[in-house]
Amino acid sequence: MAAEIITKEDLQTFKQELLAEFKILINSKPKGTVTDEWLKSSQVRKLLNISPGTLQNLRVQNRLPFTKIGGIIYYKRRDIIDLMENKK
């Protein structure tokens, strides 16, 4: 097995190619997929076209899971879609 010498330039080229491929992978989400993106209350109200009281009722009735961090309430996008699909 013959040994190959790798130069700094080879490594730099490899690094640039690898970074370019990562950027393509990160930026290319297949259409129709849902991420576990977290949304704030205002975003959820706008998305569902509902009032703050209606959103609070969904939380109180345990129909929409949420996480509260430092006074800010977050919702998973997937939970919102499940709520709409199941029409709970």
N, C-alpha and C. Protein backbone atom coordinates (compact mmCIF):
# COMPACT_ATOMS: atom_id res chain seq x y z
N MET A 1 0.84 -1.17 0.00
CA MET A 1 0.00 0.00 0.00
C MET A 1 0.89 1.24 0.00
N ALA A 2 0.74 2.05 -1.02
CA ALA A 2 1.57 3.23 -1.17
C ALA A 2 1.02 4.36 -0.30
N ALA A 3 1.93 5.14 0.27
CA ALA A 3 1.54 6.27 1.11
C ALA A 3 1.39 7.52 0.24
N GLU A 4 0.37 8.33 0.59
CA GLU A 4 0.16 9.60 -0.12
C GLU A 4 0.43 10.73 0.84
N ILE A 5 1.01 11.77 0.32
CA ILE A 5 1.28 12.94 1.14
C ILE A 5 0.12 13.92 0.95
N ILE A 6 -0.44 14.36 2.09
CA ILE A 6 -1.54 15.33 2.05
C ILE A 6 -0.99 16.67 2.49
N THR A 7 -1.24 17.66 1.68
CA THR A 7 -0.73 19.00 1.98
C THR A 7 -1.79 19.83 2.70
N LYS A 8 -1.37 20.98 3.21
CA LYS A 8 -2.30 21.90 3.84
C LYS A 8 -3.35 22.36 2.84
N GLU A 9 -2.93 22.56 1.62
CA GLU A 9 -3.86 23.00 0.58
C GLU A 9 -4.94 21.94 0.34
N ASP A 10 -4.55 20.67 0.37
CA ASP A 10 -5.52 19.59 0.21
C ASP A 10 -6.56 19.63 1.33
N LEU A 11 -6.08 19.84 2.55
CA LEU A 11 -6.99 19.90 3.68
C LEU A 11 -7.91 21.12 3.59
N GLN A 12 -7.39 22.24 3.15
CA GLN A 12 -8.21 23.45 2.99
C GLN A 12 -9.29 23.22 1.94
N THR A 13 -8.93 22.59 0.85
CA THR A 13 -9.90 22.29 -0.20
C THR A 13 -10.98 21.35 0.31
N PHE A 14 -10.55 20.33 1.04
CA PHE A 14 -11.50 19.38 1.62
C PHE A 14 -12.45 20.10 2.58
N LYS A 15 -11.91 20.97 3.38
CA LYS A 15 -12.72 21.72 4.34
C LYS A 15 -13.77 22.57 3.62
N GLN A 16 -13.37 23.26 2.58
CA GLN A 16 -14.31 24.10 1.83
C GLN A 16 -15.40 23.27 1.17
N GLU A 17 -15.04 22.15 0.60
CA GLU A 17 -16.03 21.26 -0.02
C GLU A 17 -17.00 20.71 1.01
N LEU A 18 -16.49 20.32 2.16
CA LEU A 18 -17.32 19.78 3.22
C LEU A 18 -18.29 20.83 3.75
N LEU A 19 -17.81 22.03 3.97
CA LEU A 19 -18.67 23.12 4.43
C LEU A 19 -19.77 23.44 3.41
N ALA A 20 -19.41 23.43 2.15
CA ALA A 20 -20.39 23.71 1.10
C ALA A 20 -21.49 22.63 1.10
N GLU A 21 -21.10 21.38 1.28
CA GLU A 21 -22.09 20.30 1.32
C GLU A 21 -22.98 20.40 2.55
N PHE A 22 -22.41 20.77 3.70
CA PHE A 22 -23.22 20.96 4.91
C PHE A 22 -24.23 22.08 4.72
N LYS A 23 -23.82 23.17 4.10
CA LYS A 23 -24.74 24.29 3.86
C LYS A 23 -25.90 23.86 2.98
N ILE A 24 -25.60 23.07 1.98
CA ILE A 24 -26.66 22.57 1.09
C ILE A 24 -27.63 21.69 1.87
N LEU A 25 -27.11 20.80 2.70
CA LEU A 25 -27.96 19.91 3.49
C LEU A 25 -28.81 20.68 4.50
N ILE A 26 -28.23 21.66 5.14
CA ILE A 26 -28.96 22.45 6.14
C ILE A 26 -30.05 23.28 5.50
N ASN A 27 -29.77 23.86 4.35
CA ASN A 27 -30.72 24.76 3.71
C ASN A 27 -31.77 24.07 2.86
N SER A 28 -31.62 22.78 2.62
CA SER A 28 -32.58 22.08 1.76
C SER A 28 -33.47 21.17 2.59
N LYS A 29 -34.63 21.69 2.96
CA LYS A 29 -35.63 20.88 3.66
C LYS A 29 -36.61 20.38 2.62
N PRO A 30 -36.92 19.11 2.63
CA PRO A 30 -37.93 18.62 1.69
C PRO A 30 -39.27 19.28 1.97
N LYS A 31 -39.99 19.60 0.90
CA LYS A 31 -41.30 20.23 1.05
C LYS A 31 -42.26 19.28 1.74
N GLY A 32 -43.08 19.86 2.60
CA GLY A 32 -44.07 19.06 3.30
C GLY A 32 -43.59 18.45 4.60
N THR A 33 -42.31 18.66 4.94
CA THR A 33 -41.84 18.13 6.21
C THR A 33 -42.06 19.17 7.30
N VAL A 34 -42.23 18.68 8.50
CA VAL A 34 -42.45 19.56 9.64
C VAL A 34 -41.29 19.38 10.60
N THR A 35 -40.76 20.50 11.03
CA THR A 35 -39.66 20.43 11.99
C THR A 35 -40.21 20.59 13.39
N ASP A 36 -39.38 20.36 14.37
CA ASP A 36 -39.77 20.59 15.75
C ASP A 36 -39.50 22.04 16.12
N GLU A 37 -39.86 22.92 15.22
CA GLU A 37 -39.67 24.33 15.46
C GLU A 37 -40.58 24.78 16.61
N TRP A 38 -40.05 25.61 17.48
CA TRP A 38 -40.81 26.14 18.60
C TRP A 38 -41.36 27.51 18.24
N LEU A 39 -42.62 27.74 18.56
CA LEU A 39 -43.28 29.01 18.25
C LEU A 39 -43.74 29.68 19.53
N LYS A 40 -43.71 31.01 19.54
CA LYS A 40 -44.22 31.77 20.67
C LYS A 40 -45.73 31.93 20.52
N SER A 41 -46.37 32.35 21.61
CA SER A 41 -47.83 32.50 21.64
C SER A 41 -48.33 33.40 20.51
N SER A 42 -47.67 34.52 20.29
CA SER A 42 -48.13 35.45 19.25
C SER A 42 -48.08 34.81 17.87
N GLN A 43 -47.07 33.99 17.62
CA GLN A 43 -46.95 33.31 16.34
C GLN A 43 -48.06 32.28 16.17
N VAL A 44 -48.38 31.57 17.25
CA VAL A 44 -49.43 30.55 17.20
C VAL A 44 -50.78 31.22 16.97
N ARG A 45 -51.04 32.33 17.67
CA ARG A 45 -52.32 33.03 17.49
C ARG A 45 -52.48 33.52 16.06
N LYS A 46 -51.40 34.01 15.50
CA LYS A 46 -51.45 34.49 14.11
C LYS A 46 -51.65 33.32 13.15
N LEU A 47 -50.96 32.22 13.40
CA LEU A 47 -51.05 31.04 12.54
C LEU A 47 -52.46 30.46 12.54
N LEU A 48 -53.09 30.39 13.73
CA LEU A 48 -54.41 29.80 13.86
C LEU A 48 -55.54 30.83 13.77
N ASN A 49 -55.16 32.09 13.76
CA ASN A 49 -56.14 33.18 13.71
C ASN A 49 -57.12 33.08 14.90
N ILE A 50 -56.53 33.02 16.10
CA ILE A 50 -57.33 32.91 17.32
C ILE A 50 -56.92 34.00 18.31
N SER A 51 -57.76 34.22 19.29
CA SER A 51 -57.50 35.25 20.31
C SER A 51 -56.61 34.68 21.41
N PRO A 52 -56.03 35.57 22.23
CA PRO A 52 -55.23 35.09 23.36
C PRO A 52 -56.05 34.21 24.30
N GLY A 53 -57.33 34.53 24.51
CA GLY A 53 -58.18 33.73 25.38
C GLY A 53 -58.40 32.33 24.85
N THR A 54 -58.59 32.21 23.55
CA THR A 54 -58.78 30.89 22.94
C THR A 54 -57.52 30.04 23.10
N LEU A 55 -56.37 30.67 22.91
CA LEU A 55 -55.11 29.95 23.08
C LEU A 55 -54.94 29.51 24.53
N GLN A 56 -55.31 30.37 25.46
CA GLN A 56 -55.24 30.01 26.87
C GLN A 56 -56.17 28.83 27.18
N ASN A 57 -57.37 28.85 26.60
CA ASN A 57 -58.30 27.73 26.80
C ASN A 57 -57.71 26.42 26.29
N LEU A 58 -57.03 26.46 25.15
CA LEU A 58 -56.40 25.25 24.62
C LEU A 58 -55.34 24.72 25.59
N ARG A 59 -54.61 25.63 26.23
CA ARG A 59 -53.61 25.22 27.21
C ARG A 59 -54.27 24.63 28.45
N VAL A 60 -55.27 25.35 28.99
CA VAL A 60 -55.94 24.93 30.23
C VAL A 60 -56.61 23.58 30.06
N GLN A 61 -57.19 23.33 28.88
CA GLN A 61 -57.89 22.07 28.61
C GLN A 61 -56.93 20.95 28.19
N ASN A 62 -55.63 21.24 28.25
CA ASN A 62 -54.59 20.27 27.86
C ASN A 62 -54.76 19.77 26.42
N ARG A 63 -55.30 20.60 25.57
CA ARG A 63 -55.46 20.22 24.17
C ARG A 63 -54.23 20.61 23.35
N LEU A 64 -53.43 21.53 23.88
CA LEU A 64 -52.23 21.98 23.17
C LEU A 64 -51.06 22.02 24.16
N PRO A 65 -50.12 21.07 24.04
CA PRO A 65 -48.96 21.06 24.95
C PRO A 65 -48.11 22.31 24.76
N PHE A 66 -47.47 22.74 25.83
CA PHE A 66 -46.63 23.92 25.78
C PHE A 66 -45.49 23.79 26.77
N THR A 67 -44.51 24.67 26.61
CA THR A 67 -43.39 24.77 27.54
C THR A 67 -43.23 26.23 27.89
N LYS A 68 -43.10 26.50 29.18
CA LYS A 68 -42.93 27.88 29.63
C LYS A 68 -41.51 28.05 30.15
N ILE A 69 -40.82 29.02 29.58
CA ILE A 69 -39.44 29.31 29.98
C ILE A 69 -39.35 30.79 30.27
N GLY A 70 -39.11 31.13 31.52
CA GLY A 70 -38.93 32.53 31.90
C GLY A 70 -40.10 33.42 31.53
N GLY A 71 -41.30 32.95 31.66
CA GLY A 71 -42.47 33.76 31.36
C GLY A 71 -42.90 33.75 29.91
N ILE A 72 -42.16 33.08 29.06
CA ILE A 72 -42.52 32.98 27.64
C ILE A 72 -43.00 31.56 27.36
N ILE A 73 -44.15 31.47 26.72
CA ILE A 73 -44.73 30.17 26.43
C ILE A 73 -44.40 29.77 24.99
N TYR A 74 -43.92 28.55 24.83
CA TYR A 74 -43.54 28.03 23.53
C TYR A 74 -44.39 26.80 23.19
N TYR A 75 -44.64 26.64 21.90
CA TYR A 75 -45.42 25.51 21.40
C TYR A 75 -44.65 24.86 20.25
N LYS A 76 -44.71 23.53 20.16
CA LYS A 76 -44.09 22.84 19.03
C LYS A 76 -45.02 22.94 17.83
N ARG A 77 -44.45 23.23 16.68
CA ARG A 77 -45.24 23.30 15.45
C ARG A 77 -45.96 21.98 15.18
N ARG A 78 -45.30 20.87 15.47
CA ARG A 78 -45.91 19.56 15.24
C ARG A 78 -47.18 19.38 16.09
N ASP A 79 -47.17 19.88 17.34
CA ASP A 79 -48.34 19.78 18.20
C ASP A 79 -49.50 20.60 17.66
N ILE A 80 -49.21 21.73 17.07
CA ILE A 80 -50.25 22.58 16.50
C ILE A 80 -50.88 21.89 15.29
N ILE A 81 -50.04 21.28 14.46
CA ILE A 81 -50.56 20.57 13.29
C ILE A 81 -51.38 19.38 13.72
N ASP A 82 -50.91 18.65 14.74
CA ASP A 82 -51.68 17.51 15.25
C ASP A 82 -53.04 17.97 15.79
N LEU A 83 -53.07 19.09 16.47
CA LEU A 83 -54.32 19.63 16.99
C LEU A 83 -55.30 19.90 15.84
N MET A 84 -54.80 20.49 14.78
CA MET A 84 -55.66 20.82 13.64
C MET A 84 -56.12 19.56 12.90
N GLU A 85 -55.23 18.59 12.76
CA GLU A 85 -55.58 17.37 12.03
C GLU A 85 -56.56 16.51 12.81
N ASN A 86 -56.41 16.47 14.13
CA ASN A 86 -57.28 15.65 14.97
C ASN A 86 -58.55 16.38 15.37
N LYS A 87 -58.54 17.70 15.20
CA LYS A 87 -59.68 18.54 15.54
C LYS A 87 -60.17 18.23 16.94
N LYS A 88 -59.23 18.20 17.87
CA LYS A 88 -59.56 17.91 19.26
C LYS A 88 -60.38 19.04 19.86
